[in-house]
Amino acid sequence: MELKDTIKLMESKDFKDRFRAEYHQLKIRHEKLNALLYRIENGDLNFKPKCSYELLRTQCIVMKSYLLLLEERAKIESIEL
């Protein structure tokens, strides 16, 4: 799934669809940031990020925590992700 694939879910009147879109968008962004961190760690990046590695890593950790919170909420509210 790509971000563009979540557009219809974001525009839905059903909060469960919008919730799914939020979850999938965050998951996609987290995976991309995690991949960037991996490339930084391995010296396989063709540019130098303006942000420090530590800041990017902290962002990634927070995003993962948010994903886990959304997953817990989805269970409670019976929202299939």
PDB file of N, CA and C in Angstrom:
ATOM      1  N   MET A   1       0.845  -1.175   0.000  1.00  0.00           N
ATOM      2  CA  MET A   1       0.000   0.000   0.000  1.00  0.00           C
ATOM      3  C   MET A   1       0.895   1.244   0.000  1.00  0.00           C
ATOM      4  N   GLU A   2       0.455   2.247  -0.725  1.00  0.00           N
ATOM      5  CA  GLU A   2       1.145   3.525  -0.781  1.00  0.00           C
ATOM      6  C   GLU A   2       0.225   4.602  -0.206  1.00  0.00           C
ATOM      7  N   LEU A   3       0.809   5.751   0.110  1.00  0.00           N
ATOM      8  CA  LEU A   3       0.000   6.832   0.674  1.00  0.00           C
ATOM      9  C   LEU A   3      -1.196   7.175  -0.209  1.00  0.00           C
ATOM     10  N   LYS A   4      -0.985   7.190  -1.518  1.00  0.00           N
ATOM     11  CA  LYS A   4      -2.084   7.552  -2.430  1.00  0.00           C
ATOM     12  C   LYS A   4      -3.252   6.573  -2.335  1.00  0.00           C
ATOM     13  N   ASP A   5      -2.971   5.352  -1.900  1.00  0.00           N
ATOM     14  CA  ASP A   5      -4.020   4.339  -1.770  1.00  0.00           C
ATOM     15  C   ASP A   5      -4.937   4.589  -0.566  1.00  0.00           C
ATOM     16  N   THR A   6      -4.582   5.533   0.285  1.00  0.00           N
ATOM     17  CA  THR A   6      -5.376   5.810   1.482  1.00  0.00           C
ATOM     18  C   THR A   6      -6.328   6.994   1.295  1.00  0.00           C
ATOM     19  N   ILE A   7      -6.301   7.613   0.144  1.00  0.00           N
ATOM     20  CA  ILE A   7      -7.099   8.827  -0.081  1.00  0.00           C
ATOM     21  C   ILE A   7      -8.598   8.575   0.114  1.00  0.00           C
ATOM     22  N   LYS A   8      -9.110   7.515  -0.489  1.00  0.00           N
ATOM     23  CA  LYS A   8     -10.548   7.239  -0.374  1.00  0.00           C
ATOM     24  C   LYS A   8     -10.944   6.972   1.075  1.00  0.00           C
ATOM     25  N   LEU A   9     -10.061   6.279   1.803  1.00  0.00           N
ATOM     26  CA  LEU A   9     -10.349   6.023   3.213  1.00  0.00           C
ATOM     27  C   LEU A   9     -10.388   7.326   4.007  1.00  0.00           C
ATOM     28  N   MET A  10      -9.472   8.249   3.706  1.00  0.00           N
ATOM     29  CA  MET A  10      -9.429   9.530   4.415  1.00  0.00           C
ATOM     30  C   MET A  10     -10.682  10.369   4.144  1.00  0.00           C
ATOM     31  N   GLU A  11     -11.238  10.219   2.969  1.00  0.00           N
ATOM     32  CA  GLU A  11     -12.406  11.017   2.587  1.00  0.00           C
ATOM     33  C   GLU A  11     -13.727  10.384   3.021  1.00  0.00           C
ATOM     34  N   SER A  12     -13.660   9.200   3.574  1.00  0.00           N
ATOM     35  CA  SER A  12     -14.871   8.482   3.968  1.00  0.00           C
ATOM     36  C   SER A  12     -15.600   9.193   5.105  1.00  0.00           C
ATOM     37  N   LYS A  13     -16.888   9.007   5.154  1.00  0.00           N
ATOM     38  CA  LYS A  13     -17.678   9.533   6.264  1.00  0.00           C
ATOM     39  C   LYS A  13     -17.627   8.586   7.461  1.00  0.00           C
ATOM     40  N   ASP A  14     -17.175   7.375   7.232  1.00  0.00           N
ATOM     41  CA  ASP A  14     -17.074   6.362   8.289  1.00  0.00           C
ATOM     42  C   ASP A  14     -15.759   6.551   9.057  1.00  0.00           C
ATOM     43  N   PHE A  15     -15.869   6.772  10.352  1.00  0.00           N
ATOM     44  CA  PHE A  15     -14.666   7.029  11.147  1.00  0.00           C
ATOM     45  C   PHE A  15     -13.718   5.830  11.142  1.00  0.00           C
ATOM     46  N   LYS A  16     -14.262   4.629  10.966  1.00  0.00           N
ATOM     47  CA  LYS A  16     -13.397   3.449  10.929  1.00  0.00           C
ATOM     48  C   LYS A  16     -12.505   3.468   9.690  1.00  0.00           C
ATOM     49  N   ASP A  17     -13.030   3.919   8.583  1.00  0.00           N
ATOM     50  CA  ASP A  17     -12.214   4.055   7.371  1.00  0.00           C
ATOM     51  C   ASP A  17     -11.127   5.111   7.569  1.00  0.00           C
ATOM     52  N   ARG A  18     -11.513   6.230   8.163  1.00  0.00           N
ATOM     53  CA  ARG A  18     -10.519   7.285   8.412  1.00  0.00           C
ATOM     54  C   ARG A  18      -9.451   6.813   9.396  1.00  0.00           C
ATOM     55  N   PHE A  19      -9.866   6.025  10.358  1.00  0.00           N
ATOM     56  CA  PHE A  19      -8.930   5.445  11.318  1.00  0.00           C
ATOM     57  C   PHE A  19      -7.943   4.527  10.593  1.00  0.00           C
ATOM     58  N   ARG A  20      -8.471   3.670   9.718  1.00  0.00           N
ATOM     59  CA  ARG A  20      -7.610   2.771   8.927  1.00  0.00           C
ATOM     60  C   ARG A  20      -6.611   3.572   8.092  1.00  0.00           C
ATOM     61  N   ALA A  21      -7.089   4.650   7.496  1.00  0.00           N
ATOM     62  CA  ALA A  21      -6.204   5.490   6.682  1.00  0.00           C
ATOM     63  C   ALA A  21      -5.085   6.072   7.541  1.00  0.00           C
ATOM     64  N   GLU A  22      -5.438   6.583   8.699  1.00  0.00           N
ATOM     65  CA  GLU A  22      -4.429   7.144   9.604  1.00  0.00           C
ATOM     66  C   GLU A  22      -3.389   6.085   9.961  1.00  0.00           C
ATOM     67  N   TYR A  23      -3.874   4.899  10.297  1.00  0.00           N
ATOM     68  CA  TYR A  23      -2.974   3.809  10.661  1.00  0.00           C
ATOM     69  C   TYR A  23      -2.041   3.453   9.502  1.00  0.00           C
ATOM     70  N   HIS A  24      -2.599   3.266   8.329  1.00  0.00           N
ATOM     71  CA  HIS A  24      -1.786   2.862   7.179  1.00  0.00           C
ATOM     72  C   HIS A  24      -0.804   3.952   6.763  1.00  0.00           C
ATOM     73  N   GLN A  25      -1.229   5.203   6.833  1.00  0.00           N
ATOM     74  CA  GLN A  25      -0.317   6.300   6.504  1.00  0.00           C
ATOM     75  C   GLN A  25       0.858   6.340   7.472  1.00  0.00           C
ATOM     76  N   LEU A  26       0.549   6.196   8.749  1.00  0.00           N
ATOM     77  CA  LEU A  26       1.615   6.197   9.748  1.00  0.00           C
ATOM     78  C   LEU A  26       2.545   5.011   9.558  1.00  0.00           C
ATOM     79  N   LYS A  27       1.971   3.864   9.264  1.00  0.00           N
ATOM     80  CA  LYS A  27       2.781   2.658   9.060  1.00  0.00           C
ATOM     81  C   LYS A  27       3.729   2.832   7.867  1.00  0.00           C
ATOM     82  N   ILE A  28       3.226   3.387   6.794  1.00  0.00           N
ATOM     83  CA  ILE A  28       4.042   3.632   5.600  1.00  0.00           C
ATOM     84  C   ILE A  28       5.179   4.602   5.931  1.00  0.00           C
ATOM     85  N   ARG A  29       4.844   5.677   6.605  1.00  0.00           N
ATOM     86  CA  ARG A  29       5.865   6.677   6.956  1.00  0.00           C
ATOM     87  C   ARG A  29       6.901   6.101   7.921  1.00  0.00           C
ATOM     88  N   HIS A  30       6.437   5.305   8.859  1.00  0.00           N
ATOM     89  CA  HIS A  30       7.364   4.671   9.811  1.00  0.00           C
ATOM     90  C   HIS A  30       8.324   3.730   9.082  1.00  0.00           C
ATOM     91  N   GLU A  31       7.798   2.929   8.176  1.00  0.00           N
ATOM     92  CA  GLU A  31       8.646   2.002   7.423  1.00  0.00           C
ATOM     93  C   GLU A  31       9.690   2.752   6.591  1.00  0.00           C
ATOM     94  N   LYS A  32       9.273   3.859   5.988  1.00  0.00           N
ATOM     95  CA  LYS A  32      10.216   4.640   5.177  1.00  0.00           C
ATOM     96  C   LYS A  32      11.288   5.296   6.044  1.00  0.00           C
ATOM     97  N   LEU A  33      10.895   5.810   7.193  1.00  0.00           N
ATOM     98  CA  LEU A  33      11.869   6.414   8.096  1.00  0.00           C
ATOM     99  C   LEU A  33      12.818   5.350   8.634  1.00  0.00           C
ATOM    100  N   ASN A  34      12.289   4.193   8.955  1.00  0.00           N
ATOM    101  CA  ASN A  34      13.124   3.091   9.432  1.00  0.00           C
ATOM    102  C   ASN A  34      14.130   2.676   8.361  1.00  0.00           C
ATOM    103  N   ALA A  35      13.693   2.641   7.122  1.00  0.00           N
ATOM    104  CA  ALA A  35      14.594   2.303   6.014  1.00  0.00           C
ATOM    105  C   ALA A  35      15.680   3.372   5.861  1.00  0.00           C
ATOM    106  N   LEU A  36      15.309   4.631   6.043  1.00  0.00           N
ATOM    107  CA  LEU A  36      16.290   5.717   5.972  1.00  0.00           C
ATOM    108  C   LEU A  36      17.338   5.555   7.076  1.00  0.00           C
ATOM    109  N   LEU A  37      16.892   5.259   8.281  1.00  0.00           N
ATOM    110  CA  LEU A  37      17.826   5.053   9.391  1.00  0.00           C
ATOM    111  C   LEU A  37      18.780   3.897   9.090  1.00  0.00           C
ATOM    112  N   TYR A  38      18.256   2.838   8.525  1.00  0.00           N
ATOM    113  CA  TYR A  38      19.086   1.690   8.157  1.00  0.00           C
ATOM    114  C   TYR A  38      20.156   2.107   7.146  1.00  0.00           C
ATOM    115  N   ARG A  39      19.749   2.897   6.166  1.00  0.00           N
ATOM    116  CA  ARG A  39      20.707   3.359   5.154  1.00  0.00           C
ATOM    117  C   ARG A  39      21.761   4.276   5.754  1.00  0.00           C
ATOM    118  N   ILE A  40      21.355   5.114   6.700  1.00  0.00           N
ATOM    119  CA  ILE A  40      22.319   5.988   7.378  1.00  0.00           C
ATOM    120  C   ILE A  40      23.332   5.126   8.137  1.00  0.00           C
ATOM    121  N   GLU A  41      22.832   4.142   8.868  1.00  0.00           N
ATOM    122  CA  GLU A  41      23.697   3.264   9.659  1.00  0.00           C
ATOM    123  C   GLU A  41      24.722   2.538   8.791  1.00  0.00           C
ATOM    124  N   ASN A  42      24.336   2.216   7.573  1.00  0.00           N
ATOM    125  CA  ASN A  42      25.201   1.452   6.669  1.00  0.00           C
ATOM    126  C   ASN A  42      25.971   2.327   5.688  1.00  0.00           C
ATOM    127  N   GLY A  43      25.894   3.642   5.866  1.00  0.00           N
ATOM    128  CA  GLY A  43      26.618   4.554   4.987  1.00  0.00           C
ATOM    129  C   GLY A  43      26.171   4.473   3.537  1.00  0.00           C
ATOM    130  N   ASP A  44      24.903   4.120   3.338  1.00  0.00           N
ATOM    131  CA  ASP A  44      24.364   3.901   1.994  1.00  0.00           C
ATOM    132  C   ASP A  44      23.362   4.995   1.615  1.00  0.00           C
ATOM    133  N   LEU A  45      23.732   6.239   1.890  1.00  0.00           N
ATOM    134  CA  LEU A  45      22.839   7.352   1.619  1.00  0.00           C
ATOM    135  C   LEU A  45      23.566   8.335   0.716  1.00  0.00           C
ATOM    136  N   ASN A  46      22.886   8.806  -0.324  1.00  0.00           N
ATOM    137  CA  ASN A  46      23.539   9.709  -1.271  1.00  0.00           C
ATOM    138  C   ASN A  46      23.339  11.193  -0.922  1.00  0.00           C
ATOM    139  N   PHE A  47      22.894  11.461   0.310  1.00  0.00           N
ATOM    140  CA  PHE A  47      22.774  12.837   0.802  1.00  0.00           C
ATOM    141  C   PHE A  47      22.970  12.825   2.308  1.00  0.00           C
ATOM    142  N   LYS A  48      23.210  13.987   2.880  1.00  0.00           N
ATOM    143  CA  LYS A  48      23.369  14.102   4.327  1.00  0.00           C
ATOM    144  C   LYS A  48      22.128  14.779   4.892  1.00  0.00           C
ATOM    145  N   PRO A  49      21.374  14.064   5.731  1.00  0.00           N
ATOM    146  CA  PRO A  49      20.178  14.668   6.323  1.00  0.00           C
ATOM    147  C   PRO A  49      20.540  15.888   7.175  1.00  0.00           C
ATOM    148  N   LYS A  50      19.664  16.868   7.170  1.00  0.00           N
ATOM    149  CA  LYS A  50      19.887  18.057   7.994  1.00  0.00           C
ATOM    150  C   LYS A  50      19.657  17.741   9.472  1.00  0.00           C
ATOM    151  N   CYS A  51      18.745  16.822   9.737  1.00  0.00           N
ATOM    152  CA  CYS A  51      18.463  16.415  11.115  1.00  0.00           C
ATOM    153  C   CYS A  51      19.507  15.401  11.574  1.00  0.00           C
ATOM    154  N   SER A  52      19.741  15.399  12.859  1.00  0.00           N
ATOM    155  CA  SER A  52      20.674  14.418  13.406  1.00  0.00           C
ATOM    156  C   SER A  52      20.051  13.027  13.365  1.00  0.00           C
ATOM    157  N   TYR A  53      20.907  12.042  13.352  1.00  0.00           N
ATOM    158  CA  TYR A  53      20.452  10.652  13.397  1.00  0.00           C
ATOM    159  C   TYR A  53      19.601  10.429  14.654  1.00  0.00           C
ATOM    160  N   GLU A  54      20.029  10.997  15.772  1.00  0.00           N
ATOM    161  CA  GLU A  54      19.331  10.815  17.043  1.00  0.00           C
ATOM    162  C   GLU A  54      17.900  11.358  16.982  1.00  0.00           C
ATOM    163  N   LEU A  55      17.735  12.512  16.355  1.00  0.00           N
ATOM    164  CA  LEU A  55      16.400  13.084  16.222  1.00  0.00           C
ATOM    165  C   LEU A  55      15.518  12.191  15.352  1.00  0.00           C
ATOM    166  N   LEU A  56      16.049  11.731  14.233  1.00  0.00           N
ATOM    167  CA  LEU A  56      15.292  10.851  13.344  1.00  0.00           C
ATOM    168  C   LEU A  56      14.942   9.531  14.040  1.00  0.00           C
ATOM    169  N   ARG A  57      15.876   9.003  14.802  1.00  0.00           N
ATOM    170  CA  ARG A  57      15.627   7.748  15.529  1.00  0.00           C
ATOM    171  C   ARG A  57      14.549   7.945  16.584  1.00  0.00           C
ATOM    172  N   THR A  58      14.592   9.070  17.286  1.00  0.00           N
ATOM    173  CA  THR A  58      13.562   9.361  18.285  1.00  0.00           C
ATOM    174  C   THR A  58      12.193   9.474  17.616  1.00  0.00           C
ATOM    175  N   GLN A  59      12.141  10.139  16.473  1.00  0.00           N
ATOM    176  CA  GLN A  59      10.882  10.240  15.725  1.00  0.00           C
ATOM    177  C   GLN A  59      10.374   8.853  15.373  1.00  0.00           C
ATOM    178  N   CYS A  60      11.251   7.991  14.939  1.00  0.00           N
ATOM    179  CA  CYS A  60      10.873   6.633  14.557  1.00  0.00           C
ATOM    180  C   CYS A  60      10.309   5.860  15.752  1.00  0.00           C
ATOM    181  N   ILE A  61      10.931   6.030  16.905  1.00  0.00           N
ATOM    182  CA  ILE A  61      10.462   5.363  18.124  1.00  0.00           C
ATOM    183  C   ILE A  61       9.064   5.856  18.510  1.00  0.00           C
ATOM    184  N   VAL A  62       8.864   7.155  18.426  1.00  0.00           N
ATOM    185  CA  VAL A  62       7.559   7.729  18.764  1.00  0.00           C
ATOM    186  C   VAL A  62       6.500   7.250  17.778  1.00  0.00           C
ATOM    187  N   MET A  63       6.845   7.192  16.515  1.00  0.00           N
ATOM    188  CA  MET A  63       5.903   6.709  15.498  1.00  0.00           C
ATOM    189  C   MET A  63       5.513   5.260  15.779  1.00  0.00           C
ATOM    190  N   LYS A  64       6.482   4.438  16.176  1.00  0.00           N
ATOM    191  CA  LYS A  64       6.198   3.037  16.495  1.00  0.00           C
ATOM    192  C   LYS A  64       5.264   2.949  17.697  1.00  0.00           C
ATOM    193  N   SER A  65       5.505   3.779  18.698  1.00  0.00           N
ATOM    194  CA  SER A  65       4.626   3.804  19.870  1.00  0.00           C
ATOM    195  C   SER A  65       3.207   4.182  19.472  1.00  0.00           C
ATOM    196  N   TYR A  66       3.078   5.172  18.595  1.00  0.00           N
ATOM    197  CA  TYR A  66       1.764   5.593  18.125  1.00  0.00           C
ATOM    198  C   TYR A  66       1.078   4.464  17.349  1.00  0.00           C
ATOM    199  N   LEU A  67       1.841   3.751  16.529  1.00  0.00           N
ATOM    200  CA  LEU A  67       1.281   2.600  15.814  1.00  0.00           C
ATOM    201  C   LEU A  67       0.708   1.579  16.791  1.00  0.00           C
ATOM    202  N   LEU A  68       1.460   1.293  17.845  1.00  0.00           N
ATOM    203  CA  LEU A  68       0.999   0.327  18.841  1.00  0.00           C
ATOM    204  C   LEU A  68      -0.263   0.808  19.546  1.00  0.00           C
ATOM    205  N   LEU A  69      -0.347   2.108  19.818  1.00  0.00           N
ATOM    206  CA  LEU A  69      -1.561   2.663  20.421  1.00  0.00           C
ATOM    207  C   LEU A  69      -2.758   2.532  19.481  1.00  0.00           C
ATOM    208  N   LEU A  70      -2.541   2.814  18.208  1.00  0.00           N
ATOM    209  CA  LEU A  70      -3.628   2.665  17.236  1.00  0.00           C
ATOM    210  C   LEU A  70      -4.072   1.210  17.125  1.00  0.00           C
ATOM    211  N   GLU A  71      -3.134   0.291  17.168  1.00  0.00           N
ATOM    212  CA  GLU A  71      -3.478  -1.130  17.109  1.00  0.00           C
ATOM    213  C   GLU A  71      -4.304  -1.549  18.324  1.00  0.00           C
ATOM    214  N   GLU A  72      -3.938  -1.051  19.497  1.00  0.00           N
ATOM    215  CA  GLU A  72      -4.701  -1.354  20.713  1.00  0.00           C
ATOM    216  C   GLU A  72      -6.110  -0.775  20.625  1.00  0.00           C
ATOM    217  N   ARG A  73      -6.201   0.456  20.166  1.00  0.00           N
ATOM    218  CA  ARG A  73      -7.512   1.085  20.017  1.00  0.00           C
ATOM    219  C   ARG A  73      -8.362   0.331  18.999  1.00  0.00           C
ATOM    220  N   ALA A  74      -7.733  -0.115  17.920  1.00  0.00           N
ATOM    221  CA  ALA A  74      -8.470  -0.865  16.892  1.00  0.00           C
ATOM    222  C   ALA A  74      -9.077  -2.137  17.486  1.00  0.00           C
ATOM    223  N   LYS A  75      -8.327  -2.801  18.362  1.00  0.00           N
ATOM    224  CA  LYS A  75      -8.862  -4.007  19.022  1.00  0.00           C
ATOM    225  C   LYS A  75     -10.069  -3.661  19.876  1.00  0.00           C
ATOM    226  N   ILE A  76      -9.936  -2.598  20.660  1.00  0.00           N
ATOM    227  CA  ILE A  76     -11.007  -2.188  21.563  1.00  0.00           C
ATOM    228  C   ILE A  76     -12.262  -1.795  20.782  1.00  0.00           C
ATOM    229  N   GLU A  77     -12.078  -1.090  19.683  1.00  0.00           N
ATOM    230  CA  GLU A  77     -13.210  -0.590  18.899  1.00  0.00           C
ATOM    231  C   GLU A  77     -13.621  -1.506  17.760  1.00  0.00           C
ATOM    232  N   SER A  78     -13.032  -2.701  17.720  1.00  0.00           N
ATOM    233  CA  SER A  78     -13.353  -3.698  16.675  1.00  0.00           C
ATOM    234  C   SER A  78     -13.178  -3.122  15.268  1.00  0.00           C
ATOM    235  N   ILE A  79     -12.029  -2.518  15.052  1.00  0.00           N
ATOM    236  CA  ILE A  79     -11.695  -1.986  13.732  1.00  0.00           C
ATOM    237  C   ILE A  79     -10.631  -2.885  13.121  1.00  0.00           C
ATOM    238  N   GLU A  80     -10.981  -3.501  12.025  1.00  0.00           N
ATOM    239  CA  GLU A  80     -10.028  -4.389  11.358  1.00  0.00           C
ATOM    240  C   GLU A  80      -9.040  -3.542  10.541  1.00  0.00           C
ATOM    241  N   LEU A  81      -7.780  -3.747  10.818  1.00  0.00           N
ATOM    242  CA  LEU A  81      -6.741  -2.990  10.117  1.00  0.00           C
ATOM    243  C   LEU A  81      -6.232  -3.801   8.937  1.00  0.00           C
TER     244      LEU A  81
END
